[in-house]
């Protein structure tokens, strides 16, 4: 027998909606009639599946949205290509140009990854995205004791400018844009990229691409930091300043919410913490003396696209609105491009399952579709085997083809902001903005992002959200198909991609030969000059890093030299 609890719609809380404007009285009357005459009898016949429906951020979702869900609109309607850019930064969006299909790639030696790059370009990829291994991400040379067992395992190893040249061999750097996922040692890898391009007669001003370089999110989520937060932030501002003056087509920072989400945050936290990091970079660069319109157009973003389809679309729309509002109203940006929130999207790696891995193709497709409908500028689709290993070549091809099917066969690129005007999506966009602003207020009250990191605020918020989600999965309240619902005992069969220790042997031998033939006195002088620049906060460190790279100083040597000036950072434990 149906329970009486589910038979009638729950009453609205008195504060759930604003007073109904006279223009909407007819809508309100129709809504009341519908609830009494249509909804009530329907629920008597078929009660709803749950007492409570909500997004992945635990925002309660009503059963119906109409004009009553939002305050009566005032002023001009929001339009694509116009402030506050909720509906997209371009007036025609994908009707004029598709998003960049940028597959995250890197493994083993530079030569092996170079082959994968050429493979992807031949199969229709329109931009490179470099994944570096853990030793590179931590600023360690391949032959360092700490690198044992990790060289080339989760990305490509780059320990010197000569490795960077091998990685990019045959790639037209003046024509192909490159994204580099690197944070702590970002300025060093960027310098290697610039030096490699110059050696092939491609000037810095012709280079287009992005360095992730978002060090604040490392303390918040990913934990691949090298130095204390304040000097690390200074290195980021050095790259922003240097890029504004010398590399006009390069995005010196991609403010990353992806790793915040992968660490277990909600969509609301990803939105709020990512934008708060972006505001912190803007404020620090302005303190350096650069006018906001000189650098803000080259700040880009990197978001996660998770399983809650409509929440993800609303998150992307809300991000554009919040960024544009803050840049214009608080920081006084005048250029339209300064107000644009341009972002790359990657489907949610944390949602991929080792069980029934083929199902990840479906998850990735839905997540990629949300990114496209949310107006992303570039997109990476995860391979179905990523919960088990580095992606095999066939899995990468399926992931790329997923994007191409969305672009060429579905029609989703034929419209601008298809969900603009959707009662639910517009309400949810507004709600996400409200929730994010509450976080902004809390962060400002505690003294900003760096102060919040030092107090463990962000880390605790993410830990609590992650624990709550996992508890729901473990209890069966949150279904994960193939894991706690519709599970099978079928053995997992995917093509194996194995990375041997040969990569470390090769890279270590190359470093030995490089150190033997380089001009040792020039290398030593360059490292000494770098330390002097690092010790003087009035100096930008990028010219000295470039000189050290050209003098064949290795990644580990440069990182160590900076560490002797800045010190190292150890995060306090949180429970």
Protein backbone atom coordinates (compact mmCIF):
# COMPACT_ATOMS: atom_id res chain seq x y z
CA UNK A 1 0.00 0.00 0.00
CA UNK A 2 1.26 3.46 -0.88
CA UNK A 3 2.29 5.53 2.11
CA UNK A 4 0.30 8.66 2.86
CA UNK A 5 3.58 10.53 3.34
CA UNK A 6 4.30 10.39 -0.41
CA UNK A 7 0.72 10.81 -1.56
CA UNK A 8 0.49 14.59 -1.41
CA UNK A 9 3.07 17.20 -2.36
CA UNK A 10 4.99 18.58 0.64
CA UNK A 11 4.06 22.15 1.55
CA UNK A 12 6.36 24.90 0.42
CA UNK A 13 8.38 26.60 3.14
CA UNK A 14 7.15 30.19 3.65
CA UNK A 15 10.53 31.56 2.53
CA UNK A 16 11.00 29.18 -0.41
CA UNK A 17 9.85 31.75 -2.98
CA UNK A 18 9.70 35.53 -3.14
CA UNK A 19 6.29 37.21 -3.21
CA UNK A 20 4.54 36.59 -6.52
CA UNK A 21 4.57 39.69 -8.75
CA UNK A 22 1.20 40.65 -10.18
CA UNK A 23 2.41 39.72 -13.68
CA UNK A 24 2.81 36.12 -12.49
CA UNK A 25 -0.47 35.76 -10.61
CA UNK A 26 -1.85 33.70 -13.47
CA UNK A 27 1.12 31.35 -13.30
CA UNK A 28 0.67 30.99 -9.54
CA UNK A 29 -3.03 30.18 -9.92
CA UNK A 30 -2.28 27.60 -12.64
CA UNK A 31 0.39 26.08 -10.41
CA UNK A 32 -2.01 25.73 -7.45
CA UNK A 33 -4.66 24.14 -9.67
CA UNK A 34 -2.11 21.70 -11.12
CA UNK A 35 -0.91 20.66 -7.65
CA UNK A 36 -4.46 19.98 -6.45
CA UNK A 37 -6.10 18.49 -9.52
CA UNK A 38 -3.26 16.77 -11.38
CA UNK A 39 -0.26 16.19 -9.13
CA UNK A 40 -2.14 15.06 -6.03
CA UNK A 41 -4.08 12.24 -7.74
CA UNK A 42 -0.95 11.18 -9.67
CA UNK A 43 1.02 10.79 -6.42
CA UNK A 44 -1.85 8.78 -4.93
CA UNK A 45 -1.54 6.33 -7.82
CA UNK A 46 2.28 6.28 -8.00
CA UNK A 47 4.29 7.65 -5.06
CA UNK A 48 7.67 9.18 -5.89
CA UNK A 49 10.80 7.02 -5.63
CA UNK A 50 12.29 9.05 -2.79
CA UNK A 51 11.18 11.54 -0.20
CA UNK A 52 14.01 13.88 -1.16
CA UNK A 53 15.67 14.62 -4.49
CA UNK A 54 18.91 16.61 -4.64
CA UNK A 55 21.97 17.39 -6.72
CA UNK A 56 25.43 15.97 -6.04
CA UNK A 57 26.03 19.10 -3.95
CA UNK A 58 22.99 18.15 -1.82
CA UNK A 59 20.94 21.10 -3.13
CA UNK A 60 17.26 20.09 -2.79
CA UNK A 61 15.50 19.84 -6.16
CA UNK A 62 11.79 20.55 -6.52
CA UNK A 63 9.64 18.52 -8.86
CA UNK A 64 8.76 21.42 -11.16
CA UNK A 65 10.28 24.74 -12.18
CA UNK A 66 8.42 27.61 -13.76
CA UNK A 67 8.71 31.44 -13.70
CA UNK A 68 7.91 31.35 -9.97
CA UNK A 69 11.26 29.66 -9.29
CA UNK A 70 13.16 32.91 -10.00
CA UNK A 71 12.51 36.53 -9.01
CA UNK A 72 10.83 38.53 -11.70
CA UNK A 73 13.58 39.51 -14.18
CA UNK A 74 14.58 43.12 -14.10
CA UNK A 75 16.29 45.03 -16.87
CA UNK A 76 17.55 43.52 -20.09
CA UNK A 77 17.63 39.73 -20.57
CA UNK A 78 20.99 37.94 -20.58
CA UNK A 79 22.28 37.22 -24.07
CA UNK A 80 25.23 35.19 -25.41
CA UNK A 81 28.40 37.18 -25.97
CA UNK A 82 27.30 39.97 -23.63
CA UNK A 83 27.94 40.79 -19.96
CA UNK A 84 27.74 38.89 -17.63
CA UNK A 85 28.35 36.10 -20.17
CA UNK A 86 26.20 33.55 -18.34
CA UNK A 87 25.05 32.29 -21.72
CA UNK A 88 28.52 32.09 -23.29
CA UNK A 89 31.47 34.33 -24.05
CA UNK A 90 30.87 34.24 -27.82
CA UNK A 91 27.67 35.32 -29.54
CA UNK A 92 27.63 32.33 -31.91
CA UNK A 93 29.60 29.82 -29.78
CA UNK A 94 30.16 26.52 -31.62
CA UNK A 95 28.30 27.63 -34.74
CA UNK A 96 31.43 29.65 -35.51
CA UNK A 97 34.12 27.36 -34.08
CA UNK A 98 34.03 24.02 -32.28
CA UNK A 99 35.72 23.49 -28.95
CA UNK A 100 39.33 22.31 -28.99
CA UNK A 101 39.64 18.54 -28.64
CA UNK A 102 42.63 18.25 -26.35
CA UNK A 103 43.50 14.78 -25.05
CA UNK A 104 45.70 14.65 -21.94
CA UNK A 105 48.70 12.50 -22.93
CA UNK A 106 52.06 11.51 -21.53
CA UNK A 107 53.94 8.38 -20.53
CA UNK A 108 57.43 6.85 -20.41
CA UNK A 109 60.15 8.71 -22.34
CA UNK A 110 59.76 11.91 -24.36
CA UNK A 111 60.10 9.92 -27.63
CA UNK A 112 57.24 7.57 -26.76
CA UNK A 113 54.92 10.44 -25.83
CA UNK A 114 55.97 12.30 -28.98
CA UNK A 115 54.68 9.32 -31.01
CA UNK A 116 51.34 9.51 -29.15
CA UNK A 117 51.12 13.25 -29.92
CA UNK A 118 51.60 12.65 -33.63
CA UNK A 119 49.05 9.80 -33.48
CA UNK A 120 46.43 12.06 -31.90
CA UNK A 121 47.08 14.91 -34.33
CA UNK A 122 46.63 12.50 -37.25
CA UNK A 123 43.30 11.38 -35.77
CA UNK A 124 41.83 14.86 -35.45
CA UNK A 125 43.05 16.29 -32.15
CA UNK A 126 43.33 20.07 -32.41
CA UNK A 127 45.65 20.82 -29.48
CA UNK A 128 48.22 19.07 -27.31
CA UNK A 129 47.87 18.48 -23.56
CA UNK A 130 50.99 17.20 -21.78
CA UNK A 131 50.80 14.95 -18.73
CA UNK A 132 54.05 14.85 -16.73
CA UNK A 133 55.10 12.06 -14.39
CA UNK A 134 55.36 12.42 -10.62
CA UNK A 135 59.13 13.10 -10.51
CA UNK A 136 58.66 15.99 -12.96
CA UNK A 137 55.66 17.32 -11.03
CA UNK A 138 57.70 17.30 -7.84
CA UNK A 139 60.75 18.92 -9.47
CA UNK A 140 62.94 15.80 -9.29
CA UNK A 141 65.39 14.61 -11.92
CA UNK A 142 64.88 11.10 -13.28
CA UNK A 143 68.03 9.84 -11.56
CA UNK A 144 67.10 11.18 -8.10
CA UNK A 145 66.68 8.42 -5.49
CA UNK A 146 63.10 9.56 -4.84
CA UNK A 147 62.24 9.00 -8.53
CA UNK A 148 62.81 5.24 -8.41
CA UNK A 149 59.77 3.33 -9.63
CA UNK A 150 57.92 6.45 -10.83
CA UNK A 151 59.71 7.64 -13.98
CA UNK A 152 57.27 7.71 -16.88
CA UNK A 153 54.57 5.82 -14.98
CA UNK A 154 51.74 8.40 -14.84
CA UNK A 155 53.04 10.86 -17.43
CA UNK A 156 56.10 11.73 -19.45
CA UNK A 157 59.44 12.42 -17.81
CA UNK A 158 61.14 15.74 -18.59
CA UNK A 159 64.33 16.48 -16.65
CA UNK A 160 66.06 18.94 -19.01
CA UNK A 161 65.53 21.25 -21.95
CA UNK A 162 66.90 18.48 -24.16
CA UNK A 163 64.08 16.21 -23.00
CA UNK A 164 61.60 18.94 -23.91
CA UNK A 165 63.12 19.12 -27.40
CA UNK A 166 62.65 15.35 -27.78
CA UNK A 167 59.08 15.57 -26.57
CA UNK A 168 58.15 18.25 -29.13
CA UNK A 169 60.12 16.97 -32.13
CA UNK A 170 58.23 17.55 -35.36
CA UNK A 171 55.43 19.55 -33.69
CA UNK A 172 54.77 22.96 -35.34
CA UNK A 173 54.82 25.01 -32.14
CA UNK A 174 53.77 28.21 -33.87
CA UNK A 175 50.58 26.52 -35.12
CA UNK A 176 49.59 24.00 -32.42
CA UNK A 177 48.54 25.22 -28.99
CA UNK A 178 49.89 23.24 -26.04
CA UNK A 179 48.52 22.79 -22.55
CA UNK A 180 50.97 21.71 -19.85
CA UNK A 181 49.66 20.29 -16.59
CA UNK A 182 52.44 21.39 -14.26
CA UNK A 183 52.27 23.41 -11.06
CA UNK A 184 55.12 23.63 -8.53
CA UNK A 185 57.88 23.72 -11.19
CA UNK A 186 55.64 25.32 -13.85
CA UNK A 187 57.94 28.26 -14.52
CA UNK A 188 60.85 25.86 -15.19
CA UNK A 189 58.93 23.67 -17.66
CA UNK A 190 57.52 26.76 -19.35
CA UNK A 191 61.05 28.12 -19.74
CA UNK A 192 62.10 24.82 -21.33
CA UNK A 193 59.19 25.09 -23.77
CA UNK A 194 60.10 28.68 -24.68
CA UNK A 195 63.77 27.77 -25.14
CA UNK A 196 62.87 24.79 -27.34
CA UNK A 197 60.68 26.98 -29.53
CA UNK A 198 63.40 29.60 -29.85
CA UNK A 199 65.89 26.91 -30.91
CA UNK A 200 63.52 26.10 -33.78
CA UNK A 201 63.16 29.79 -34.71
CA UNK A 202 59.67 30.16 -33.25
CA UNK A 203 59.64 33.41 -31.26
CA UNK A 204 57.86 33.65 -27.87
CA UNK A 205 55.19 35.97 -29.21
CA UNK A 206 54.08 33.25 -31.68
CA UNK A 207 53.53 30.61 -28.99
CA UNK A 208 50.02 29.73 -27.93
CA UNK A 209 49.06 27.50 -25.04
CA UNK A 210 48.54 27.21 -21.31
CA UNK A 211 50.52 26.29 -18.23
CA UNK A 212 48.29 25.06 -15.43
CA UNK A 213 50.50 26.74 -12.82
CA UNK A 214 47.72 27.04 -10.19
CA UNK A 215 49.72 26.49 -7.03
CA UNK A 216 46.96 27.48 -4.59
CA UNK A 217 44.85 24.48 -5.51
CA UNK A 218 47.84 22.24 -4.74
CA UNK A 219 47.64 23.20 -1.08
CA UNK A 220 43.86 22.90 -1.20
CA UNK A 221 43.54 19.57 -2.99
CA UNK A 222 46.30 17.87 -5.00
CA UNK A 223 49.25 18.35 -2.58
CA UNK A 224 52.04 18.55 -5.18
CA UNK A 225 53.57 21.71 -3.75
CA UNK A 226 57.27 22.52 -3.33
CA UNK A 227 57.61 25.77 -1.37
CA UNK A 228 55.55 27.64 1.25
CA UNK A 229 52.39 29.27 -0.15
CA UNK A 230 53.59 32.89 -0.23
CA UNK A 231 56.85 32.45 -2.22
CA UNK A 232 55.08 29.88 -4.41
CA UNK A 233 52.41 32.47 -5.18
CA UNK A 234 55.17 34.93 -6.08
CA UNK A 235 56.53 32.51 -8.72
CA UNK A 236 53.07 32.32 -10.29
CA UNK A 237 52.79 36.11 -10.44
CA UNK A 238 56.25 36.20 -12.07
CA UNK A 239 54.92 34.04 -14.91
CA UNK A 240 51.78 36.14 -15.30
CA UNK A 241 53.86 39.32 -15.49
CA UNK A 242 56.39 37.79 -17.90
CA UNK A 243 53.65 36.39 -20.14
CA UNK A 244 51.82 39.72 -20.30
CA UNK A 245 55.01 41.37 -21.55
CA UNK A 246 56.52 38.71 -23.81
CA UNK A 247 54.00 35.95 -24.73
CA UNK A 248 50.72 37.66 -25.65
CA UNK A 249 49.10 34.41 -26.93
CA UNK A 250 49.98 32.29 -23.89
CA UNK A 251 47.79 31.67 -20.84
CA UNK A 252 50.37 31.69 -18.01
CA UNK A 253 47.89 30.17 -15.57
CA UNK A 254 44.90 27.87 -15.77
CA UNK A 255 43.05 28.17 -12.47
CA UNK A 256 42.05 24.61 -11.75
CA UNK A 257 38.93 23.34 -10.08
CA UNK A 258 39.38 19.90 -11.58
CA UNK A 259 41.62 18.60 -8.81
CA UNK A 260 39.44 20.18 -6.13
CA UNK A 261 36.53 18.09 -7.44
CA UNK A 262 38.68 14.98 -7.80
CA UNK A 263 39.65 15.36 -4.12
CA UNK A 264 35.99 14.96 -3.17
CA UNK A 265 34.46 18.44 -3.22
CA UNK A 266 30.93 19.25 -4.29
CA UNK A 267 30.17 21.24 -7.43
CA UNK A 268 29.49 24.27 -5.22
CA UNK A 269 32.90 23.97 -3.54
CA UNK A 270 34.65 23.45 -6.87
CA UNK A 271 32.98 26.59 -8.23
CA UNK A 272 33.62 28.76 -5.18
CA UNK A 273 37.17 27.65 -4.34
CA UNK A 274 38.33 27.84 -7.97
CA UNK A 275 37.05 31.36 -8.48
CA UNK A 276 38.40 32.43 -5.09
CA UNK A 277 41.84 31.22 -6.24
CA UNK A 278 41.40 33.20 -9.45
CA UNK A 279 40.52 36.35 -7.51
CA UNK A 280 43.63 35.83 -5.36
CA UNK A 281 45.86 35.74 -8.46
CA UNK A 282 44.22 38.89 -9.81
CA UNK A 283 44.74 40.73 -6.53
CA UNK A 284 48.39 39.64 -6.21
CA UNK A 285 49.17 40.64 -9.80
CA UNK A 286 47.57 44.04 -9.32
CA UNK A 287 49.72 44.50 -6.21
CA UNK A 288 52.72 43.83 -8.46
CA UNK A 289 51.65 46.95 -10.37
CA UNK A 290 50.07 45.50 -13.52
CA UNK A 291 46.74 47.01 -14.63
CA UNK A 292 44.05 44.32 -14.60
CA UNK A 293 43.35 44.64 -18.34
CA UNK A 294 47.01 43.90 -19.12
CA UNK A 295 46.84 40.34 -17.76
CA UNK A 296 43.26 39.24 -17.01
CA UNK A 297 42.46 38.32 -20.64
CA UNK A 298 45.08 35.54 -20.46
CA UNK A 299 43.82 33.92 -17.24
CA UNK A 300 42.06 30.68 -18.10
CA UNK A 301 40.25 28.03 -16.06
CA UNK A 302 40.03 24.24 -15.86
CA UNK A 303 36.89 22.53 -14.55
CA UNK A 304 35.67 19.03 -13.86
CA UNK A 305 32.50 17.70 -15.47
CA UNK A 306 30.84 15.17 -13.19
CA UNK A 307 27.73 12.99 -13.33
CA UNK A 308 24.99 15.40 -12.24
CA UNK A 309 24.16 16.59 -15.75
CA UNK A 310 22.18 19.75 -15.05
CA UNK A 311 24.22 20.80 -12.02
CA UNK A 312 27.36 20.73 -14.16
CA UNK A 313 25.78 22.85 -16.89
CA UNK A 314 24.56 25.34 -14.29
CA UNK A 315 28.02 25.38 -12.66
CA UNK A 316 29.70 26.47 -15.89
CA UNK A 317 27.09 29.17 -16.50
CA UNK A 318 27.40 30.43 -12.92
CA UNK A 319 31.21 30.55 -13.17
CA UNK A 320 31.08 32.89 -16.16
CA UNK A 321 28.63 35.21 -14.43
CA UNK A 322 30.52 35.36 -11.14
CA UNK A 323 33.89 35.99 -12.81
CA UNK A 324 32.56 38.77 -15.03
CA UNK A 325 30.79 40.48 -12.14
CA UNK A 326 33.83 40.46 -9.86
CA UNK A 327 36.32 41.55 -12.56
CA UNK A 328 34.17 44.52 -13.57
CA UNK A 329 32.68 45.61 -10.26
CA UNK A 330 35.58 45.06 -7.85
CA UNK A 331 38.72 45.11 -10.00
CA UNK A 332 37.59 47.70 -12.54
CA UNK A 333 38.28 45.70 -15.71
CA UNK A 334 37.31 47.57 -18.86
CA UNK A 335 38.24 45.18 -21.66
CA UNK A 336 35.57 42.68 -22.61
CA UNK A 337 38.14 39.88 -22.81
CA UNK A 338 39.11 40.55 -19.20
CA UNK A 339 35.57 39.59 -18.22
CA UNK A 340 35.55 36.33 -20.17
CA UNK A 341 35.89 33.16 -18.16
CA UNK A 342 37.48 30.84 -20.73
CA UNK A 343 37.77 27.25 -19.56
CA UNK A 344 38.94 23.77 -20.40
CA UNK A 345 36.87 20.81 -19.21
CA UNK A 346 37.90 17.27 -18.35
CA UNK A 347 35.43 14.54 -17.59
CA UNK A 348 35.52 13.23 -14.01
CA UNK A 349 38.30 10.72 -13.49
CA UNK A 350 37.05 10.05 -9.96
CA UNK A 351 33.76 8.78 -11.41
CA UNK A 352 35.46 6.09 -13.51
CA UNK A 353 35.19 2.61 -12.05
CA UNK A 354 37.51 -0.37 -12.29
CA UNK A 355 34.42 -2.59 -12.21
CA UNK A 356 32.73 -2.97 -15.62
CA UNK A 357 35.10 -0.35 -17.09
CA UNK A 358 33.22 -0.19 -20.41
CA UNK A 359 30.49 1.69 -18.55
CA UNK A 360 32.93 4.57 -18.20
CA UNK A 361 32.35 5.29 -21.90
CA UNK A 362 28.75 6.13 -21.04
CA UNK A 363 29.71 8.24 -18.02
CA UNK A 364 32.29 10.12 -20.05
CA UNK A 365 29.81 10.80 -22.84
CA UNK A 366 27.25 12.31 -20.46
CA UNK A 367 29.92 14.40 -18.73
CA UNK A 368 31.36 15.60 -22.04
CA UNK A 369 27.88 16.57 -23.21
CA UNK A 370 27.41 18.64 -20.05
CA UNK A 371 30.70 20.42 -20.75
CA UNK A 372 29.63 21.24 -24.30
CA UNK A 373 26.15 22.39 -23.28
CA UNK A 374 27.80 24.47 -20.56
CA UNK A 375 29.94 26.30 -23.16
CA UNK A 376 33.47 24.94 -22.68
CA UNK A 377 36.31 26.18 -24.91
CA UNK A 378 38.21 22.89 -24.92
CA UNK A 379 37.54 19.37 -23.75
CA UNK A 380 39.34 16.20 -22.66
CA UNK A 381 37.35 12.98 -22.51
CA UNK A 382 38.70 10.30 -20.18
CA UNK A 383 39.47 6.86 -21.54
CA UNK A 384 37.39 3.98 -20.21
CA UNK A 385 40.39 2.12 -18.77
CA UNK A 386 41.78 5.00 -16.68
CA UNK A 387 40.70 3.45 -13.36
CA UNK A 388 43.04 0.58 -14.15
CA UNK A 389 46.07 2.02 -15.93
CA UNK A 390 47.43 4.69 -18.22
CA UNK A 391 45.09 4.68 -21.23
CA UNK A 392 45.77 2.26 -24.05
CA UNK A 393 45.86 3.57 -27.62
CA UNK A 394 42.49 2.05 -28.51
CA UNK A 395 40.85 3.53 -25.39
CA UNK A 396 42.26 6.97 -26.22
CA UNK A 397 40.84 6.70 -29.73
CA UNK A 398 37.35 5.88 -28.39
CA UNK A 399 37.57 8.86 -26.02
CA UNK A 400 38.50 11.20 -28.87
CA UNK A 401 35.80 9.74 -31.13
CA UNK A 402 33.27 10.44 -28.37
CA UNK A 403 33.95 14.16 -28.75
CA UNK A 404 33.85 13.93 -32.52
CA UNK A 405 30.45 12.21 -32.45
CA UNK A 406 29.11 14.96 -30.17
CA UNK A 407 30.46 17.60 -32.53
CA UNK A 408 29.48 16.07 -35.85
CA UNK A 409 26.43 13.85 -35.31
CA UNK A 410 24.26 15.14 -32.45
CA UNK A 411 23.45 18.73 -33.38
CA UNK A 412 24.42 20.02 -29.93
CA UNK A 413 26.91 22.45 -31.46
CA UNK A 414 24.23 24.07 -33.62
CA UNK A 415 22.71 26.19 -30.84
CA UNK A 416 23.97 28.81 -28.40
CA UNK A 417 23.28 27.95 -24.73
CA UNK A 418 20.50 25.42 -25.46
CA UNK A 419 19.34 25.45 -21.82
CA UNK A 420 19.06 29.22 -21.59
CA UNK A 421 15.49 29.90 -20.46
CA UNK A 422 15.09 26.46 -18.90
CA UNK A 423 13.27 27.16 -15.65
CA UNK A 424 15.28 24.54 -13.79
CA UNK A 425 18.71 25.34 -15.21
CA UNK A 426 18.22 29.08 -14.72
CA UNK A 427 17.09 28.52 -11.10
CA UNK A 428 20.01 26.19 -10.43
CA UNK A 429 22.47 28.68 -11.98
CA UNK A 430 21.16 31.35 -9.60
CA UNK A 431 21.35 28.96 -6.64
CA UNK A 432 24.95 27.99 -7.38
CA UNK A 433 25.87 31.68 -7.59
CA UNK A 434 24.28 32.27 -4.19
CA UNK A 435 26.11 29.33 -2.59
CA UNK A 436 29.44 30.42 -4.10
CA UNK A 437 29.02 33.99 -2.85
CA UNK A 438 28.51 32.65 0.68
CA UNK A 439 31.86 30.90 0.41
CA UNK A 440 33.48 34.08 -0.97
CA UNK A 441 32.29 35.96 2.13
CA UNK A 442 33.67 33.31 4.48
CA UNK A 443 37.05 33.30 2.70
CA UNK A 444 37.33 37.09 2.87
CA UNK A 445 36.42 37.09 6.56
CA UNK A 446 39.36 34.79 7.34
CA UNK A 447 41.82 36.99 5.39
CA UNK A 448 41.85 35.45 1.91
CA UNK A 449 42.83 32.22 0.21
CA UNK A 450 46.37 31.91 1.58
CA UNK A 451 45.13 32.49 5.13
CA UNK A 452 42.42 29.90 4.54
CA UNK A 453 45.01 27.38 3.35
CA UNK A 454 47.18 28.01 6.40
CA UNK A 455 44.16 27.47 8.67
CA UNK A 456 43.12 24.28 6.85
CA UNK A 457 39.70 25.68 5.91
CA UNK A 458 39.54 24.37 2.34
CA UNK A 459 40.99 21.01 3.26
CA UNK A 460 38.39 20.44 5.98
CA UNK A 461 35.48 21.46 3.75
CA UNK A 462 36.54 19.00 1.03
CA UNK A 463 37.24 16.19 3.50
CA UNK A 464 33.80 16.52 5.02
CA UNK A 465 32.07 16.52 1.62
CA UNK A 466 34.11 13.53 0.44
CA UNK A 467 33.34 11.57 3.61
CA UNK A 468 29.63 12.31 3.34
CA UNK A 469 29.51 11.16 -0.29
CA UNK A 470 31.43 7.93 0.38
CA UNK A 471 29.24 7.15 3.38
CA UNK A 472 26.18 7.41 1.13
CA UNK A 473 27.78 5.09 -1.45
CA UNK A 474 28.75 2.56 1.24
CA UNK A 475 25.21 2.63 2.64
CA UNK A 476 23.70 2.14 -0.81
CA UNK A 477 21.93 5.50 -0.67
CA UNK A 478 23.98 6.77 -3.60
CA UNK A 479 24.00 4.28 -6.49
CA UNK A 480 27.14 3.64 -8.56
CA UNK A 481 26.28 1.30 -11.39
CA UNK A 482 28.58 -1.69 -11.49
CA UNK A 483 29.87 -1.05 -7.95
CA UNK A 484 26.98 -1.10 -5.46
CA UNK A 485 24.20 -1.59 -8.02
CA UNK A 486 23.95 -4.00 -10.98
CA UNK A 487 27.33 -5.52 -10.16
CA UNK A 488 28.61 -8.62 -11.95
CA UNK A 489 31.40 -11.10 -11.41
CA UNK A 490 32.60 -10.85 -15.01
CA UNK A 491 36.42 -10.64 -15.18
CA UNK A 492 37.81 -7.29 -16.31
CA UNK A 493 39.51 -7.50 -19.69
CA UNK A 494 41.24 -4.43 -21.12
CA UNK A 495 44.38 -4.15 -23.29
CA UNK A 496 47.38 -3.68 -20.99
CA UNK A 497 49.75 -0.74 -21.32
CA UNK A 498 52.88 -1.48 -19.31
CA UNK A 499 55.63 1.04 -18.53
CA UNK A 500 58.90 -0.64 -17.67
CA UNK A 501 61.83 0.67 -15.66
CA UNK A 502 63.64 1.14 -18.97
CA UNK A 503 62.35 4.73 -19.05
CA UNK A 504 64.25 5.59 -15.88
CA UNK A 505 67.41 3.93 -17.15
CA UNK A 506 67.32 5.89 -20.43
CA UNK A 507 66.51 9.20 -18.78
CA UNK A 508 69.21 8.75 -16.13
CA UNK A 509 71.84 7.96 -18.73
CA UNK A 510 70.89 11.05 -20.71
CA UNK A 511 71.28 13.19 -17.61
CA UNK A 512 74.72 11.71 -16.98
CA UNK A 513 75.82 12.59 -20.51
CA UNK A 514 74.29 16.09 -20.32
CA UNK A 515 76.15 16.91 -17.09
CA UNK A 516 79.41 15.62 -18.56
CA UNK A 517 79.32 17.76 -21.71
CA UNK A 518 77.70 21.01 -20.56
CA UNK A 519 79.71 24.11 -19.60
CA UNK A 520 79.79 23.52 -15.85
CA UNK A 521 80.90 27.04 -14.95
CA UNK A 522 78.09 28.59 -17.03
CA UNK A 523 75.56 26.31 -15.36
CA UNK A 524 76.83 27.21 -11.88
CA UNK A 525 76.75 30.93 -12.66
CA UNK A 526 73.18 30.67 -13.94
CA UNK A 527 72.02 28.93 -10.75
CA UNK A 528 73.78 31.51 -8.60
CA UNK A 529 72.07 34.32 -10.55
CA UNK A 530 68.73 32.56 -10.11
CA UNK A 531 69.15 32.45 -6.34
CA UNK A 532 69.98 36.14 -6.26
CA UNK A 533 66.86 36.95 -8.29
CA UNK A 534 64.73 34.75 -6.00
CA UNK A 535 66.11 36.55 -2.95
CA UNK A 536 65.10 39.95 -4.31
CA UNK A 537 61.30 40.30 -4.39
CA UNK A 538 61.61 43.26 -6.75
CA UNK A 539 62.95 40.94 -9.48
CA UNK A 540 61.00 38.67 -11.78
CA UNK A 541 62.58 35.19 -11.68
CA UNK A 542 61.59 34.15 -15.22
CA UNK A 543 64.63 35.64 -17.06
CA UNK A 544 67.00 33.90 -14.64
CA UNK A 545 65.12 30.59 -15.00
CA UNK A 546 65.32 30.87 -18.79
CA UNK A 547 69.05 31.45 -18.61
CA UNK A 548 69.51 28.45 -16.29
CA UNK A 549 67.54 26.23 -18.67
CA UNK A 550 69.63 27.35 -21.64
CA UNK A 551 72.79 26.71 -19.60
CA UNK A 552 71.59 23.07 -19.33
CA UNK A 553 70.74 23.20 -15.63
CA UNK A 554 68.37 20.31 -14.93
CA UNK A 555 64.89 20.54 -13.50
CA UNK A 556 66.02 19.17 -10.16
CA UNK A 557 68.96 21.59 -9.93
CA UNK A 558 66.76 24.62 -10.59
CA UNK A 559 64.08 23.52 -8.14
CA UNK A 560 66.74 22.82 -5.50
CA UNK A 561 68.32 26.25 -6.02
CA UNK A 562 64.97 27.95 -5.46
CA UNK A 563 64.27 25.72 -2.46
CA UNK A 564 67.44 26.93 -0.75
CA UNK A 565 66.04 30.47 -0.92
CA UNK A 566 62.33 29.82 -0.28
CA UNK A 567 62.50 26.79 2.01
CA UNK A 568 60.22 23.76 1.87
CA UNK A 569 56.65 23.40 3.07
CA UNK A 570 55.12 20.69 5.22
CA UNK A 571 51.36 20.74 5.66
CA UNK A 572 49.98 20.15 9.11
CA UNK A 573 47.78 17.09 9.47
CA UNK A 574 44.01 17.53 9.66
CA UNK A 575 41.63 15.05 11.22
